[in-house]
Protein backbone atom coordinates (compact mmCIF):
# COMPACT_ATOMS: atom_id res chain seq x y z
CA UNK A 1 92.78 146.09 64.31
CA UNK A 2 96.54 145.04 64.09
CA UNK A 3 97.50 142.09 65.99
CA UNK A 4 100.73 140.01 66.77
CA UNK A 5 100.26 136.28 66.29
CA UNK A 6 101.10 134.13 69.10
CA UNK A 7 100.43 130.92 67.25
CA UNK A 8 99.88 129.86 63.68
CA UNK A 9 96.46 130.37 62.40
CA UNK A 10 95.55 128.67 59.26
CA UNK A 11 94.97 130.83 56.25
CA UNK A 12 95.31 134.08 58.61
CA UNK A 13 98.98 134.48 60.01
CA UNK A 14 101.92 132.70 61.29
CA UNK A 15 103.43 132.83 64.80
CA UNK A 16 105.51 136.12 65.19
CA UNK A 17 103.87 138.08 62.39
CA UNK A 18 101.87 141.28 62.67
CA UNK A 19 98.74 141.69 60.49
CA UNK A 20 95.65 143.83 60.21
CA UNK A 21 92.37 141.76 61.06
CA UNK A 22 88.82 142.77 61.50
CA UNK A 23 87.97 144.11 65.00
CA UNK A 24 85.47 141.47 65.68
CA UNK A 25 87.64 138.53 64.52
CA UNK A 26 90.38 139.82 66.77
CA UNK A 27 88.28 140.60 69.94
CA UNK A 28 85.83 137.50 69.43
CA UNK A 29 88.11 134.84 68.38
CA UNK A 30 91.89 135.52 68.16
CA UNK A 31 92.45 137.24 71.58
CA UNK A 32 90.34 135.11 73.79
CA UNK A 33 91.94 131.89 72.58
CA UNK A 34 95.34 133.40 73.04
CA UNK A 35 96.04 133.11 69.37
CA UNK A 36 96.97 136.64 68.92
CA UNK A 37 97.43 140.01 71.10
CA UNK A 38 96.72 143.58 70.14
CA UNK A 39 99.61 145.28 68.60
CA UNK A 40 99.97 148.28 70.99
CA UNK A 41 103.23 150.42 70.59
CA UNK A 42 104.85 148.82 73.59
CA UNK A 43 103.93 145.36 72.41
CA UNK A 44 105.23 146.20 68.99
CA UNK A 45 108.59 147.50 70.31
CA UNK A 46 109.00 144.47 72.47
CA UNK A 47 108.11 142.08 69.57
CA UNK A 48 110.73 143.92 67.08
CA UNK A 49 113.44 143.67 69.79
CA UNK A 50 112.63 139.87 70.33
CA UNK A 51 112.68 139.23 66.61
CA UNK A 52 116.16 141.02 66.36
CA UNK A 53 117.45 138.86 69.23
CA UNK A 54 116.27 135.76 67.59
CA UNK A 55 117.70 136.80 64.48
CA UNK A 56 121.15 137.46 66.17
CA UNK A 57 121.03 134.11 67.93
CA UNK A 58 120.08 132.29 64.75
CA UNK A 59 123.08 133.96 62.73
CA UNK A 60 125.43 132.99 65.72
CA UNK A 61 124.29 129.49 65.43
CA UNK A 62 124.63 129.32 61.61
CA UNK A 63 128.16 130.50 62.19
CA UNK A 64 128.80 127.69 64.74
CA UNK A 65 127.38 125.12 62.38
CA UNK A 66 129.41 126.50 59.37
CA UNK A 67 132.81 126.26 61.34
CA UNK A 68 131.78 122.67 62.43
CA UNK A 69 131.02 121.70 58.88
CA UNK A 70 134.37 123.30 57.68
CA UNK A 71 136.23 121.29 60.40
CA UNK A 72 135.14 118.20 58.93
CA UNK A 73 136.72 118.82 55.50
CA UNK A 74 138.93 115.81 54.81
CA UNK A 75 138.25 114.07 58.00
CA UNK A 76 137.76 110.47 58.66
CA UNK A 77 135.16 108.90 60.95
CA UNK A 78 134.79 105.15 61.53
CA UNK A 79 131.60 103.09 62.44
CA UNK A 80 131.71 99.47 63.40
CA UNK A 81 128.74 97.46 62.30
CA UNK A 82 127.75 93.71 61.96
CA UNK A 83 128.51 92.52 58.72
CA UNK A 84 128.38 89.11 56.58
CA UNK A 85 131.44 87.33 55.44
CA UNK A 86 131.11 89.12 52.06
CA UNK A 87 131.07 92.51 53.54
CA UNK A 88 127.25 93.26 53.42
CA UNK A 89 125.89 94.95 56.49
CA UNK A 90 122.91 93.51 58.48
CA UNK A 91 121.63 97.15 59.07
CA UNK A 92 122.18 99.88 56.73
CA UNK A 93 124.13 103.01 58.08
CA UNK A 94 121.89 106.13 58.28
CA UNK A 95 122.51 109.85 58.44
CA UNK A 96 121.72 109.70 62.10
CA UNK A 97 124.45 107.03 62.72
CA UNK A 98 127.00 109.14 60.74
CA UNK A 99 126.04 112.44 62.74
CA UNK A 100 126.33 110.46 66.04
CA UNK A 101 129.82 109.02 65.12
CA UNK A 102 131.07 112.43 64.19
CA UNK A 103 129.84 113.71 67.53
CA UNK A 104 131.52 110.91 69.42
CA UNK A 105 134.87 110.83 67.63
CA UNK A 106 135.44 114.42 66.57
CA UNK A 107 133.40 116.11 69.22
CA UNK A 108 131.54 118.20 66.44
CA UNK A 109 127.67 118.68 66.38
CA UNK A 110 126.15 119.01 63.07
CA UNK A 111 122.32 118.95 62.10
CA UNK A 112 121.06 115.79 60.13
CA UNK A 113 120.19 118.08 57.21
CA UNK A 114 123.88 118.86 56.37
CA UNK A 115 124.39 115.32 55.18
CA UNK A 116 122.66 113.90 52.14
CA UNK A 117 123.25 110.23 51.26
CA UNK A 118 122.32 109.08 47.66
CA UNK A 119 121.34 105.70 49.02
CA UNK A 120 121.73 104.00 52.57
CA UNK A 121 125.27 102.53 53.03
CA UNK A 122 125.07 98.71 53.18
CA UNK A 123 128.68 97.70 52.56
CA UNK A 124 131.94 97.45 54.50
CA UNK A 125 134.66 99.92 53.24
CA UNK A 126 135.39 103.50 52.90
CA UNK A 127 132.73 105.87 51.62
CA UNK A 128 132.95 109.66 50.62
CA UNK A 129 130.23 111.64 52.42
CA UNK A 130 129.12 115.08 51.02
CA UNK A 131 128.30 117.53 53.78
CA UNK A 132 126.72 120.86 52.86
CA UNK A 133 125.56 123.81 54.97
CA UNK A 134 124.62 126.90 52.83
CA UNK A 135 127.25 127.78 50.47
CA UNK A 136 129.89 125.57 52.27
CA UNK A 137 130.28 122.01 50.72
CA UNK A 138 132.95 119.48 52.03
CA UNK A 139 133.63 115.86 51.79
CA UNK A 140 134.81 113.53 54.60
CA UNK A 141 135.54 109.81 54.54
CA UNK A 142 133.43 107.42 56.39
CA UNK A 143 135.08 103.91 57.00
CA UNK A 144 132.79 101.18 57.82
CA UNK A 145 134.43 98.31 59.84
CA UNK A 146 133.00 94.81 60.26
CA UNK A 147 132.39 93.80 63.80
CA UNK A 148 131.53 90.30 65.10
């Protein structure tokens, strides 16, 4: 019997995939537990249309993220943090702090995964931050300012 998985089932199928399984397994386990539904022609057509809509939405979202990342090229963002007299920070600056600052100062939302830091930032000063999304790779300047 051909089924469409509604949830991930370990070693059998993932959510949204269609697969041929034995009739007994489908009727006695998958369908009663709402893990899958029988793949009738109507349900298959609806499933394919939903997958197409999801793909288009994902593509649109990727374009928006790519434009946002491109807009950060050569930009500058400032973060104030408590620091010692020698310039060391009491708390390191993380990727989440950088994303929050970009959103507050530049009004641009980017996912955490686009920024990769070799190590956490623990010093006052200017730092070059690489940002990558797919084939787009840009750099922006992050200025860490000491606050009291």
